[in-house]
PDB file of N, CA and C in Angstrom:
ATOM      1  N   MET A   1      -9.473-144.592 164.685  1.00  0.00           N
ATOM      2  CA  MET A   1      -8.798-143.624 165.513  1.00  0.00           C
ATOM      3  C   MET A   1      -7.978-142.642 164.693  1.00  0.00           C
ATOM      4  N   SER A   2      -7.408-143.106 163.598  1.00  0.00           N
ATOM      5  CA  SER A   2      -6.596-142.203 162.792  1.00  0.00           C
ATOM      6  C   SER A   2      -7.451-141.084 162.198  1.00  0.00           C
ATOM      7  N   GLU A   3      -8.757-141.363 161.944  1.00  0.00           N
ATOM      8  CA  GLU A   3      -9.656-140.319 161.446  1.00  0.00           C
ATOM      9  C   GLU A   3      -9.831-139.234 162.494  1.00  0.00           C
ATOM     10  N   LEU A   4      -9.998-139.644 163.725  1.00  0.00           N
ATOM     11  CA  LEU A   4     -10.153-138.691 164.800  1.00  0.00           C
ATOM     12  C   LEU A   4      -8.893-137.841 164.932  1.00  0.00           C
ATOM     13  N   LYS A   5      -7.773-138.479 164.865  1.00  0.00           N
ATOM     14  CA  LYS A   5      -6.519-137.742 164.965  1.00  0.00           C
ATOM     15  C   LYS A   5      -6.377-136.780 163.793  1.00  0.00           C
ATOM     16  N   SER A   6      -6.773-137.213 162.613  1.00  0.00           N
ATOM     17  CA  SER A   6      -6.697-136.356 161.437  1.00  0.00           C
ATOM     18  C   SER A   6      -7.617-135.150 161.585  1.00  0.00           C
ATOM     19  N   SER A   7      -8.823-135.374 162.076  1.00  0.00           N
ATOM     20  CA  SER A   7      -9.753-134.257 162.263  1.00  0.00           C
ATOM     21  C   SER A   7      -9.275-133.337 163.379  1.00  0.00           C
ATOM     22  N   ASP A   8      -8.675-133.932 164.410  1.00  0.00           N
ATOM     23  CA  ASP A   8      -8.104-133.107 165.480  1.00  0.00           C
ATOM     24  C   ASP A   8      -6.964-132.252 164.948  1.00  0.00           C
ATOM     25  N   GLN A   9      -6.134-132.833 164.103  1.00  0.00           N
ATOM     26  CA  GLN A   9      -5.022-132.089 163.518  1.00  0.00           C
ATOM     27  C   GLN A   9      -5.533-130.948 162.642  1.00  0.00           C
ATOM     28  N   LYS A  10      -6.600-131.212 161.883  1.00  0.00           N
ATOM     29  CA  LYS A  10      -7.180-130.159 161.039  1.00  0.00           C
ATOM     30  C   LYS A  10      -7.745-129.030 161.899  1.00  0.00           C
ATOM     31  N   ALA A  11      -8.382-129.387 163.003  1.00  0.00           N
ATOM     32  CA  ALA A  11      -8.952-128.376 163.898  1.00  0.00           C
ATOM     33  C   ALA A  11      -7.844-127.526 164.510  1.00  0.00           C
ATOM     34  N   VAL A  12      -6.759-128.165 164.906  1.00  0.00           N
ATOM     35  CA  VAL A  12      -5.617-127.440 165.469  1.00  0.00           C
ATOM     36  C   VAL A  12      -5.006-126.530 164.411  1.00  0.00           C
ATOM     37  N   SER A  13      -4.896-127.031 163.194  1.00  0.00           N
ATOM     38  CA  SER A  13      -4.341-126.241 162.099  1.00  0.00           C
ATOM     39  C   SER A  13      -5.213-125.023 161.803  1.00  0.00           C
ATOM     40  N   ARG A  14      -6.533-125.224 161.784  1.00  0.00           N
ATOM     41  CA  ARG A  14      -7.464-124.101 161.557  1.00  0.00           C
ATOM     42  C   ARG A  14      -7.340-123.061 162.663  1.00  0.00           C
ATOM     43  N   LYS A  15      -7.227-123.531 163.889  1.00  0.00           N
ATOM     44  CA  LYS A  15      -7.102-122.609 165.030  1.00  0.00           C
ATOM     45  C   LYS A  15      -5.807-121.804 164.917  1.00  0.00           C
ATOM     46  N   LYS A  16      -4.729-122.452 164.533  1.00  0.00           N
ATOM     47  CA  LYS A  16      -3.454-121.746 164.356  1.00  0.00           C
ATOM     48  C   LYS A  16      -3.566-120.716 163.234  1.00  0.00           C
ATOM     49  N   ASP A  17      -4.238-121.074 162.141  1.00  0.00           N
ATOM     50  CA  ASP A  17      -4.446-120.139 161.037  1.00  0.00           C
ATOM     51  C   ASP A  17      -5.255-118.930 161.498  1.00  0.00           C
ATOM     52  N   GLN A  18      -6.291-119.185 162.284  1.00  0.00           N
ATOM     53  CA  GLN A  18      -7.121-118.090 162.790  1.00  0.00           C
ATOM     54  C   GLN A  18      -6.312-117.180 163.712  1.00  0.00           C
ATOM     55  N   GLU A  19      -5.491-117.774 164.561  1.00  0.00           N
ATOM     56  CA  GLU A  19      -4.656-116.976 165.463  1.00  0.00           C
ATOM     57  C   GLU A  19      -3.654-116.135 164.677  1.00  0.00           C
ATOM     58  N   LEU A  20      -3.075-116.722 163.651  1.00  0.00           N
ATOM     59  CA  LEU A  20      -2.134-115.988 162.809  1.00  0.00           C
ATOM     60  C   LEU A  20      -2.841-114.861 162.064  1.00  0.00           C
ATOM     61  N   ASN A  21      -4.042-115.128 161.569  1.00  0.00           N
ATOM     62  CA  ASN A  21      -4.822-114.087 160.900  1.00  0.00           C
ATOM     63  C   ASN A  21      -5.125-112.928 161.850  1.00  0.00           C
ATOM     64  N   LEU A  22      -5.477-113.247 163.088  1.00  0.00           N
ATOM     65  CA  LEU A  22      -5.750-112.202 164.075  1.00  0.00           C
ATOM     66  C   LEU A  22      -4.489-111.395 164.381  1.00  0.00           C
ATOM     67  N   GLU A  23      -3.358-112.065 164.477  1.00  0.00           N
ATOM     68  CA  GLU A  23      -2.096-111.364 164.706  1.00  0.00           C
ATOM     69  C   GLU A  23      -1.785-110.414 163.551  1.00  0.00           C
ATOM     70  N   ARG A  24      -2.028-110.862 162.330  1.00  0.00           N
ATOM     71  CA  ARG A  24      -1.807-110.007 161.156  1.00  0.00           C
ATOM     72  C   ARG A  24      -2.721-108.792 161.201  1.00  0.00           C
ATOM     73  N   MET A  25      -3.986-109.023 161.554  1.00  0.00           N
ATOM     74  CA  MET A  25      -4.936-107.918 161.618  1.00  0.00           C
ATOM     75  C   MET A  25      -4.547-106.940 162.715  1.00  0.00           C
ATOM     76  N   GLU A  26      -4.135-107.450 163.853  1.00  0.00           N
ATOM     77  CA  GLU A  26      -3.705-106.582 164.943  1.00  0.00           C
ATOM     78  C   GLU A  26      -2.507-105.735 164.523  1.00  0.00           C
ATOM     79  N   ALA A  27      -1.592-106.324 163.777  1.00  0.00           N
ATOM     80  CA  ALA A  27      -0.431-105.569 163.291  1.00  0.00           C
ATOM     81  C   ALA A  27      -0.872-104.449 162.355  1.00  0.00           C
ATOM     82  N   LEU A  28      -1.823-104.750 161.458  1.00  0.00           N
ATOM     83  CA  LEU A  28      -2.343-103.720 160.551  1.00  0.00           C
ATOM     84  C   LEU A  28      -3.028-102.601 161.327  1.00  0.00           C
ATOM     85  N   LEU A  29      -3.802-102.977 162.336  1.00  0.00           N
ATOM     86  CA  LEU A  29      -4.506-101.975 163.133  1.00  0.00           C
ATOM     87  C   LEU A  29      -3.529-101.104 163.918  1.00  0.00           C
ATOM     88  N   LYS A  30      -2.473-101.702 164.434  1.00  0.00           N
ATOM     89  CA  LYS A  30      -1.456-100.918 165.155  1.00  0.00           C
ATOM     90  C   LYS A  30      -0.784 -99.933 164.216  1.00  0.00           C
ATOM     91  N   GLN A  31      -0.463-100.374 163.015  1.00  0.00           N
ATOM     92  CA  GLN A  31       0.145 -99.471 162.033  1.00  0.00           C
ATOM     93  C   GLN A  31      -0.818 -98.339 161.690  1.00  0.00           C
ATOM     94  N   SER A  32      -2.080 -98.682 161.494  1.00  0.00           N
ATOM     95  CA  SER A  32      -3.067 -97.665 161.154  1.00  0.00           C
ATOM     96  C   SER A  32      -3.253 -96.671 162.296  1.00  0.00           C
ATOM     97  N   ALA A  33      -3.187 -97.148 163.519  1.00  0.00           N
ATOM     98  CA  ALA A  33      -3.309 -96.246 164.671  1.00  0.00           C
ATOM     99  C   ALA A  33      -2.161 -95.240 164.701  1.00  0.00           C
ATOM    100  N   MET A  34      -1.047 -95.591 164.091  1.00  0.00           N
ATOM    101  CA  MET A  34       0.107 -94.679 164.009  1.00  0.00           C
ATOM    102  C   MET A  34       0.071 -93.851 162.725  1.00  0.00           C
ATOM    103  N   GLY A  35      -0.992 -94.006 161.944  1.00  0.00           N
ATOM    104  CA  GLY A  35      -1.132 -93.226 160.718  1.00  0.00           C
ATOM    105  C   GLY A  35      -0.535 -93.876 159.488  1.00  0.00           C
ATOM    106  N   ILE A  36      -0.161 -95.135 159.594  1.00  0.00           N
ATOM    107  CA  ILE A  36       0.410 -95.869 158.468  1.00  0.00           C
ATOM    108  C   ILE A  36      -0.672 -96.804 157.932  1.00  0.00           C
ATOM    109  N   HIS A  37      -1.219 -96.449 156.778  1.00  0.00           N
ATOM    110  CA  HIS A  37      -2.333 -97.208 156.211  1.00  0.00           C
ATOM    111  C   HIS A  37      -1.859 -97.900 154.935  1.00  0.00           C
ATOM    112  N   ILE A  38      -1.251 -99.056 155.093  1.00  0.00           N
ATOM    113  CA  ILE A  38      -0.612 -99.710 153.946  1.00  0.00           C
ATOM    114  C   ILE A  38      -1.607-100.348 152.978  1.00  0.00           C
ATOM    115  N   LEU A  39      -2.812-100.626 153.422  1.00  0.00           N
ATOM    116  CA  LEU A  39      -3.775-101.288 152.546  1.00  0.00           C
ATOM    117  C   LEU A  39      -4.525-100.319 151.646  1.00  0.00           C
ATOM    118  N   PHE A  40      -4.625 -99.078 152.071  1.00  0.00           N
ATOM    119  CA  PHE A  40      -5.433 -98.107 151.353  1.00  0.00           C
ATOM    120  C   PHE A  40      -4.583 -96.897 150.983  1.00  0.00           C
ATOM    121  N   ASP A  41      -4.765 -96.421 149.756  1.00  0.00           N
ATOM    122  CA  ASP A  41      -4.025 -95.227 149.350  1.00  0.00           C
ATOM    123  C   ASP A  41      -4.738 -93.986 149.890  1.00  0.00           C
ATOM    124  N   ASN A  42      -3.990 -92.903 150.039  1.00  0.00           N
ATOM    125  CA  ASN A  42      -4.530 -91.675 150.631  1.00  0.00           C
ATOM    126  C   ASN A  42      -5.723 -91.132 149.857  1.00  0.00           C
ATOM    127  N   TYR A  43      -5.666 -91.216 148.544  1.00  0.00           N
ATOM    128  CA  TYR A  43      -6.766 -90.702 147.719  1.00  0.00           C
ATOM    129  C   TYR A  43      -8.068 -91.447 148.050  1.00  0.00           C
ATOM    130  N   SER A  44      -8.011 -92.766 148.113  1.00  0.00           N
ATOM    131  CA  SER A  44      -9.209 -93.567 148.399  1.00  0.00           C
ATOM    132  C   SER A  44      -9.742 -93.277 149.796  1.00  0.00           C
ATOM    133  N   ILE A  45      -8.847 -93.164 150.756  1.00  0.00           N
ATOM    134  CA  ILE A  45      -9.259 -92.861 152.131  1.00  0.00           C
ATOM    135  C   ILE A  45      -9.976 -91.515 152.168  1.00  0.00           C
ATOM    136  N   ALA A  46      -9.352 -90.505 151.567  1.00  0.00           N
ATOM    137  CA  ALA A  46      -9.923 -89.160 151.577  1.00  0.00           C
ATOM    138  C   ALA A  46     -11.274 -89.135 150.866  1.00  0.00           C
ATOM    139  N   LYS A  47     -11.366 -89.818 149.744  1.00  0.00           N
ATOM    140  CA  LYS A  47     -12.607 -89.838 148.967  1.00  0.00           C
ATOM    141  C   LYS A  47     -13.753 -90.436 149.787  1.00  0.00           C
ATOM    142  N   VAL A  48     -13.485 -91.536 150.447  1.00  0.00           N
ATOM    143  CA  VAL A  48     -14.520 -92.214 151.225  1.00  0.00           C
ATOM    144  C   VAL A  48     -14.865 -91.412 152.480  1.00  0.00           C
ATOM    145  N   MET A  49     -13.862 -90.931 153.186  1.00  0.00           N
ATOM    146  CA  MET A  49     -14.109 -90.251 154.450  1.00  0.00           C
ATOM    147  C   MET A  49     -14.684 -88.849 154.248  1.00  0.00           C
ATOM    148  N   ARG A  50     -14.520 -88.298 153.078  1.00  0.00           N
ATOM    149  CA  ARG A  50     -15.055 -86.974 152.767  1.00  0.00           C
ATOM    150  C   ARG A  50     -16.574 -87.014 152.654  1.00  0.00           C
ATOM    151  N   GLN A  51     -17.096 -88.169 152.309  1.00  0.00           N
ATOM    152  CA  GLN A  51     -18.546 -88.320 152.153  1.00  0.00           C
ATOM    153  C   GLN A  51     -19.219 -88.229 153.518  1.00  0.00           C
ATOM    154  N   ASN A  52     -20.264 -87.454 153.571  1.00  0.00           N
ATOM    155  CA  ASN A  52     -20.986 -87.269 154.823  1.00  0.00           C
ATOM    156  C   ASN A  52     -22.039 -88.358 154.951  1.00  0.00           C
ATOM    157  N   LYS A  53     -21.711 -89.397 155.682  1.00  0.00           N
ATOM    158  CA  LYS A  53     -22.643 -90.511 155.870  1.00  0.00           C
ATOM    159  C   LYS A  53     -22.797 -90.768 157.353  1.00  0.00           C
ATOM    160  N   ASP A  54     -23.990 -91.168 157.733  1.00  0.00           N
ATOM    161  CA  ASP A  54     -24.190 -91.538 159.131  1.00  0.00           C
ATOM    162  C   ASP A  54     -23.807 -93.010 159.312  1.00  0.00           C
ATOM    163  N   ASP A  55     -23.936 -93.483 160.526  1.00  0.00           N
ATOM    164  CA  ASP A  55     -23.531 -94.855 160.827  1.00  0.00           C
ATOM    165  C   ASP A  55     -24.650 -95.868 160.617  1.00  0.00           C
ATOM    166  N   SER A  56     -25.716 -95.485 159.920  1.00  0.00           N
ATOM    167  CA  SER A  56     -26.837 -96.406 159.739  1.00  0.00           C
ATOM    168  C   SER A  56     -26.418 -97.678 159.004  1.00  0.00           C
ATOM    169  N   ASP A  57     -25.388 -97.584 158.151  1.00  0.00           N
ATOM    170  CA  ASP A  57     -24.899 -98.779 157.457  1.00  0.00           C
ATOM    171  C   ASP A  57     -24.402 -99.839 158.427  1.00  0.00           C
ATOM    172  N   PHE A  58     -23.897 -99.387 159.579  1.00  0.00           N
ATOM    173  CA  PHE A  58     -23.385-100.340 160.556  1.00  0.00           C
ATOM    174  C   PHE A  58     -24.507-101.113 161.240  1.00  0.00           C
ATOM    175  N   PHE A  59     -25.745-100.638 161.077  1.00  0.00           N
ATOM    176  CA  PHE A  59     -26.870-101.290 161.727  1.00  0.00           C
ATOM    177  C   PHE A  59     -27.779-102.025 160.749  1.00  0.00           C
ATOM    178  N   ASP A  60     -27.461-101.967 159.468  1.00  0.00           N
ATOM    179  CA  ASP A  60     -28.213-102.692 158.454  1.00  0.00           C
ATOM    180  C   ASP A  60     -27.641-104.108 158.381  1.00  0.00           C
ATOM    181  N   PHE A  61     -28.475-105.113 158.678  1.00  0.00           N
ATOM    182  CA  PHE A  61     -27.990-106.487 158.777  1.00  0.00           C
ATOM    183  C   PHE A  61     -27.294-106.950 157.502  1.00  0.00           C
ATOM    184  N   ASN A  62     -27.903-106.711 156.353  1.00  0.00           N
ATOM    185  CA  ASN A  62     -27.325-107.185 155.092  1.00  0.00           C
ATOM    186  C   ASN A  62     -25.977-106.526 154.805  1.00  0.00           C
ATOM    187  N   LYS A  63     -25.887-105.234 155.091  1.00  0.00           N
ATOM    188  CA  LYS A  63     -24.621-104.544 154.871  1.00  0.00           C
ATOM    189  C   LYS A  63     -23.571-104.990 155.879  1.00  0.00           C
ATOM    190  N   MET A  64     -24.008-105.196 157.122  1.00  0.00           N
ATOM    191  CA  MET A  64     -23.069-105.683 158.138  1.00  0.00           C
ATOM    192  C   MET A  64     -22.525-107.054 157.743  1.00  0.00           C
ATOM    193  N   LYS A  65     -23.402-107.910 157.260  1.00  0.00           N
ATOM    194  CA  LYS A  65     -22.987-109.257 156.839  1.00  0.00           C
ATOM    195  C   LYS A  65     -22.002-109.171 155.679  1.00  0.00           C
ATOM    196  N   ARG A  66     -22.299-108.286 154.742  1.00  0.00           N
ATOM    197  CA  ARG A  66     -21.417-108.110 153.581  1.00  0.00           C
ATOM    198  C   ARG A  66     -20.037-107.610 154.006  1.00  0.00           C
ATOM    199  N   VAL A  67     -20.020-106.632 154.908  1.00  0.00           N
ATOM    200  CA  VAL A  67     -18.745-106.092 155.387  1.00  0.00           C
ATOM    201  C   VAL A  67     -18.000-107.149 156.198  1.00  0.00           C
ATOM    202  N   GLN A  68     -18.721-107.881 157.029  1.00  0.00           N
ATOM    203  CA  GLN A  68     -18.086-108.930 157.830  1.00  0.00           C
ATOM    204  C   GLN A  68     -17.442-109.983 156.931  1.00  0.00           C
ATOM    205  N   ASP A  69     -18.146-110.381 155.890  1.00  0.00           N
ATOM    206  CA  ASP A  69     -17.601-111.368 154.957  1.00  0.00           C
ATOM    207  C   ASP A  69     -16.362-110.816 154.247  1.00  0.00           C
ATOM    208  N   ALA A  70     -16.441-109.545 153.835  1.00  0.00           N
ATOM    209  CA  ALA A  70     -15.295-108.930 153.153  1.00  0.00           C
ATOM    210  C   ALA A  70     -14.112-108.804 154.104  1.00  0.00           C
ATOM    211  N   MET A  71     -14.378-108.402 155.336  1.00  0.00           N
ATOM    212  CA  MET A  71     -13.294-108.251 156.316  1.00  0.00           C
ATOM    213  C   MET A  71     -12.663-109.609 156.628  1.00  0.00           C
ATOM    214  N   THR A  72     -13.491-110.625 156.754  1.00  0.00           N
ATOM    215  CA  THR A  72     -12.974-111.974 157.010  1.00  0.00           C
ATOM    216  C   THR A  72     -12.109-112.433 155.843  1.00  0.00           C
ATOM    217  N   SER A  73     -12.573-112.210 154.633  1.00  0.00           N
ATOM    218  CA  SER A  73     -11.788-112.597 153.456  1.00  0.00           C
ATOM    219  C   SER A  73     -10.476-111.824 153.402  1.00  0.00           C
ATOM    220  N   LEU A  74     -10.533-110.547 153.728  1.00  0.00           N
ATOM    221  CA  LEU A  74      -9.315-109.728 153.742  1.00  0.00           C
ATOM    222  C   LEU A  74      -8.324-110.265 154.760  1.00  0.00           C
ATOM    223  N   ILE A  75      -8.793-110.549 155.945  1.00  0.00           N
ATOM    224  CA  ILE A  75      -7.919-111.051 157.012  1.00  0.00           C
ATOM    225  C   ILE A  75      -7.291-112.387 156.631  1.00  0.00           C
ATOM    226  N   GLU A  76      -8.038-113.214 155.908  1.00  0.00           N
ATOM    227  CA  GLU A  76      -7.546-114.542 155.534  1.00  0.00           C
ATOM    228  C   GLU A  76      -6.439-114.494 154.485  1.00  0.00           C
ATOM    229  N   LYS A  77      -6.320-113.386 153.778  1.00  0.00           N
ATOM    230  CA  LYS A  77      -5.249-113.267 152.784  1.00  0.00           C
ATOM    231  C   LYS A  77      -3.921-113.206 153.527  1.00  0.00           C
ATOM    232  N   LYS A  78      -2.980-114.015 153.068  1.00  0.00           N
ATOM    233  CA  LYS A  78      -1.727-114.155 153.810  1.00  0.00           C
ATOM    234  C   LYS A  78      -0.697-113.075 153.494  1.00  0.00           C
ATOM    235  N   THR A  79      -0.692-112.588 152.287  1.00  0.00           N
ATOM    236  CA  THR A  79       0.347-111.631 151.915  1.00  0.00           C
ATOM    237  C   THR A  79      -0.258-110.256 151.630  1.00  0.00           C
ATOM    238  N   TYR A  80       0.590-109.266 151.679  1.00  0.00           N
ATOM    239  CA  TYR A  80       0.176-107.902 151.346  1.00  0.00           C
ATOM    240  C   TYR A  80      -0.383-107.850 149.924  1.00  0.00           C
ATOM    241  N   THR A  81       0.281-108.498 148.988  1.00  0.00           N
ATOM    242  CA  THR A  81      -0.147-108.505 147.592  1.00  0.00           C
ATOM    243  C   THR A  81      -1.530-109.118 147.445  1.00  0.00           C
ATOM    244  N   GLU A  82      -1.779-110.218 148.152  1.00  0.00           N
ATOM    245  CA  GLU A  82      -3.098-110.848 148.104  1.00  0.00           C
ATOM    246  C   GLU A  82      -4.168-109.915 148.663  1.00  0.00           C
ATOM    247  N   LYS A  83      -3.849-109.220 149.752  1.00  0.00           N
ATOM    248  CA  LYS A  83      -4.800-108.299 150.365  1.00  0.00           C
ATOM    249  C   LYS A  83      -5.137-107.152 149.409  1.00  0.00           C
ATOM    250  N   VAL A  84      -4.117-106.545 148.814  1.00  0.00           N
ATOM    251  CA  VAL A  84      -4.336-105.426 147.888  1.00  0.00           C
ATOM    252  C   VAL A  84      -5.120-105.890 146.671  1.00  0.00           C
ATOM    253  N   SER A  85      -4.801-107.047 146.151  1.00  0.00           N
ATOM    254  CA  SER A  85      -5.522-107.595 145.006  1.00  0.00           C
ATOM    255  C   SER A  85      -6.990-107.819 145.358  1.00  0.00           C
ATOM    256  N   PHE A  86      -7.243-108.354 146.531  1.00  0.00           N
ATOM    257  CA  PHE A  86      -8.607-108.562 146.990  1.00  0.00           C
ATOM    258  C   PHE A  86      -9.360-107.237 147.053  1.00  0.00           C
ATOM    259  N   LEU A  87      -8.734-106.215 147.619  1.00  0.00           N
ATOM    260  CA  LEU A  87      -9.370-104.902 147.740  1.00  0.00           C
ATOM    261  C   LEU A  87      -9.683-104.307 146.371  1.00  0.00           C
ATOM    262  N   LYS A  88      -8.775-104.488 145.424  1.00  0.00           N
ATOM    263  CA  LYS A  88      -8.993-103.950 144.075  1.00  0.00           C
ATOM    264  C   LYS A  88     -10.148-104.645 143.364  1.00  0.00           C
ATOM    265  N   ASP A  89     -10.415-105.885 143.725  1.00  0.00           N
ATOM    266  CA  ASP A  89     -11.487-106.646 143.084  1.00  0.00           C
ATOM    267  C   ASP A  89     -12.872-106.370 143.677  1.00  0.00           C
ATOM    268  N   LEU A  90     -12.920-105.668 144.801  1.00  0.00           N
ATOM    269  CA  LEU A  90     -14.211-105.353 145.410  1.00  0.00           C
ATOM    270  C   LEU A  90     -14.952-104.310 144.582  1.00  0.00           C
ATOM    271  N   ASP A  91     -16.281-104.393 144.593  1.00  0.00           N
ATOM    272  CA  ASP A  91     -17.041-103.331 143.945  1.00  0.00           C
ATOM    273  C   ASP A  91     -16.941-102.073 144.817  1.00  0.00           C
ATOM    274  N   GLU A  92     -17.290-100.931 144.244  1.00  0.00           N
ATOM    275  CA  GLU A  92     -17.068 -99.649 144.906  1.00  0.00           C
ATOM    276  C   GLU A  92     -17.780 -99.548 146.261  1.00  0.00           C
ATOM    277  N   GLU A  93     -19.021-100.009 146.314  1.00  0.00           N
ATOM    278  CA  GLU A  93     -19.762 -99.920 147.575  1.00  0.00           C
ATOM    279  C   GLU A  93     -19.118-100.768 148.665  1.00  0.00           C
ATOM    280  N   ALA A  94     -18.738-101.992 148.330  1.00  0.00           N
ATOM    281  CA  ALA A  94     -18.102-102.873 149.313  1.00  0.00           C
ATOM    282  C   ALA A  94     -16.765-102.291 149.760  1.00  0.00           C
ATOM    283  N   PHE A  95     -16.009-101.743 148.825  1.00  0.00           N
ATOM    284  CA  PHE A  95     -14.716-101.131 149.148  1.00  0.00           C
ATOM    285  C   PHE A  95     -14.900 -99.958 150.113  1.00  0.00           C
ATOM    286  N   GLU A  96     -15.875 -99.103 149.819  1.00  0.00           N
ATOM    287  CA  GLU A  96     -16.120 -97.947 150.679  1.00  0.00           C
ATOM    288  C   GLU A  96     -16.583 -98.378 152.067  1.00  0.00           C
ATOM    289  N   MET A  97     -17.482 -99.359 152.129  1.00  0.00           N
ATOM    290  CA  MET A  97     -17.946 -99.849 153.429  1.00  0.00           C
ATOM    291  C   MET A  97     -16.795-100.474 154.212  1.00  0.00           C
ATOM    292  N   LEU A  98     -15.915-101.161 153.511  1.00  0.00           N
ATOM    293  CA  LEU A  98     -14.771-101.785 154.172  1.00  0.00           C
ATOM    294  C   LEU A  98     -13.831-100.731 154.736  1.00  0.00           C
ATOM    295  N   ILE A  99     -13.572 -99.672 153.979  1.00  0.00           N
ATOM    296  CA  ILE A  99     -12.717 -98.588 154.493  1.00  0.00           C
ATOM    297  C   ILE A  99     -13.355 -97.960 155.732  1.00  0.00           C
ATOM    298  N   ARG A 100     -14.641 -97.657 155.649  1.00  0.00           N
ATOM    299  CA  ARG A 100     -15.321 -97.049 156.801  1.00  0.00           C
ATOM    300  C   ARG A 100     -15.261 -97.970 158.024  1.00  0.00           C
ATOM    301  N   THR A 101     -15.514 -99.229 157.812  1.00  0.00           N
ATOM    302  CA  THR A 101     -15.478-100.194 158.913  1.00  0.00           C
ATOM    303  C   THR A 101     -14.069-100.312 159.481  1.00  0.00           C
ATOM    304  N   TYR A 102     -13.099-100.404 158.610  1.00  0.00           N
ATOM    305  CA  TYR A 102     -11.703-100.531 159.025  1.00  0.00           C
ATOM    306  C   TYR A 102     -11.312 -99.347 159.918  1.00  0.00           C
ATOM    307  N   PHE A 103     -11.632 -98.130 159.466  1.00  0.00           N
ATOM    308  CA  PHE A 103     -11.257 -96.959 160.251  1.00  0.00           C
ATOM    309  C   PHE A 103     -12.110 -96.813 161.504  1.00  0.00           C
ATOM    310  N   HIS A 104     -13.313 -97.325 161.474  1.00  0.00           N
ATOM    311  CA  HIS A 104     -14.132 -97.356 162.677  1.00  0.00           C
ATOM    312  C   HIS A 104     -13.468 -98.262 163.722  1.00  0.00           C
ATOM    313  N   ILE A 105     -12.976 -99.403 163.289  1.00  0.00           N
ATOM    314  CA  ILE A 105     -12.267-100.327 164.182  1.00  0.00           C
ATOM    315  C   ILE A 105     -10.987 -99.682 164.709  1.00  0.00           C
ATOM    316  N   VAL A 106     -10.237 -99.040 163.821  1.00  0.00           N
ATOM    317  CA  VAL A 106      -8.998 -98.369 164.239  1.00  0.00           C
ATOM    318  C   VAL A 106      -9.310 -97.312 165.292  1.00  0.00           C
ATOM    319  N   GLU A 107     -10.307 -96.492 165.030  1.00  0.00           N
ATOM    320  CA  GLU A 107     -10.665 -95.431 165.976  1.00  0.00           C
ATOM    321  C   GLU A 107     -11.062 -96.007 167.334  1.00  0.00           C
ATOM    322  N   ASN A 108     -11.873 -97.062 167.317  1.00  0.00           N
ATOM    323  CA  ASN A 108     -12.287 -97.688 168.572  1.00  0.00           C
ATOM    324  C   ASN A 108     -11.103 -98.288 169.318  1.00  0.00           C
ATOM    325  N   ASN A 109     -10.168 -98.875 168.586  1.00  0.00           N
ATOM    326  CA  ASN A 109      -8.979 -99.432 169.235  1.00  0.00           C
ATOM    327  C   ASN A 109      -8.130 -98.341 169.868  1.00  0.00           C
ATOM    328  N   VAL A 110      -7.986 -97.222 169.167  1.00  0.00           N
ATOM    329  CA  VAL A 110      -7.210 -96.109 169.704  1.00  0.00           C
ATOM    330  C   VAL A 110      -7.883 -95.575 170.961  1.00  0.00           C
ATOM    331  N   ARG A 111      -9.184 -95.392 170.891  1.00  0.00           N
ATOM    332  CA  ARG A 111      -9.919 -94.883 172.059  1.00  0.00           C
ATOM    333  C   ARG A 111      -9.831 -95.828 173.248  1.00  0.00           C
ATOM    334  N   SER A 112      -9.967 -97.121 172.983  1.00  0.00           N
ATOM    335  CA  SER A 112      -9.960 -98.085 174.090  1.00  0.00           C
ATOM    336  C   SER A 112      -8.569 -98.252 174.698  1.00  0.00           C
ATOM    337  N   SER A 113      -7.542 -97.955 173.938  1.00  0.00           N
ATOM    338  CA  SER A 113      -6.193 -98.112 174.479  1.00  0.00           C
ATOM    339  C   SER A 113      -5.642 -96.818 175.071  1.00  0.00           C
ATOM    340  N   ALA A 114      -6.415 -95.723 174.986  1.00  0.00           N
ATOM    341  CA  ALA A 114      -5.969 -94.452 175.538  1.00  0.00           C
ATOM    342  C   ALA A 114      -5.906 -94.571 177.061  1.00  0.00           C
ATOM    343  N   ASP A 115      -4.893 -93.944 177.632  1.00  0.00           N
ATOM    344  CA  ASP A 115      -4.734 -93.985 179.087  1.00  0.00           C
ATOM    345  C   ASP A 115      -5.825 -93.202 179.813  1.00  0.00           C
ATOM    346  N   TYR A 116      -6.295 -92.138 179.160  1.00  0.00           N
ATOM    347  CA  TYR A 116      -7.269 -91.268 179.784  1.00  0.00           C
ATOM    348  C   TYR A 116      -8.543 -91.232 178.973  1.00  0.00           C
ATOM    349  N   HIS A 117      -9.642 -91.544 179.609  1.00  0.00           N
ATOM    350  CA  HIS A 117     -10.939 -91.493 178.948  1.00  0.00           C
ATOM    351  C   HIS A 117     -11.702 -90.304 179.475  1.00  0.00           C
ATOM    352  N   HIS A 118     -12.372 -89.595 178.600  1.00  0.00           N
ATOM    353  CA  HIS A 118     -13.154 -88.414 179.016  1.00  0.00           C
ATOM    354  C   HIS A 118     -14.437 -88.833 179.666  1.00  0.00           C
TER     355      HIS A 118
END
């Protein structure tokens, strides 16, 4: 029985960690919706967003999986320093895809929370 209790405790702990990670991500997204982008410097944002790319990357399974894994790893980092360090260690393509995905999420959140939809 103690094994079951131990596994139950681990499951509860994992769930709490996931909830905390989601709360952290929501806080970052709220800040970004207000124009405060603490994870990315302005130069990097401008460089990536200046590139004229279509959204086909969002529909490529391998790229989506790569971005999802990177986003999950980013969310799991507990501190700002850990998050920034993680971002600096990404290769250029993964970093750019992550920025595009991040701002795509921010834009969708802003649109969905708007009082008036066109």
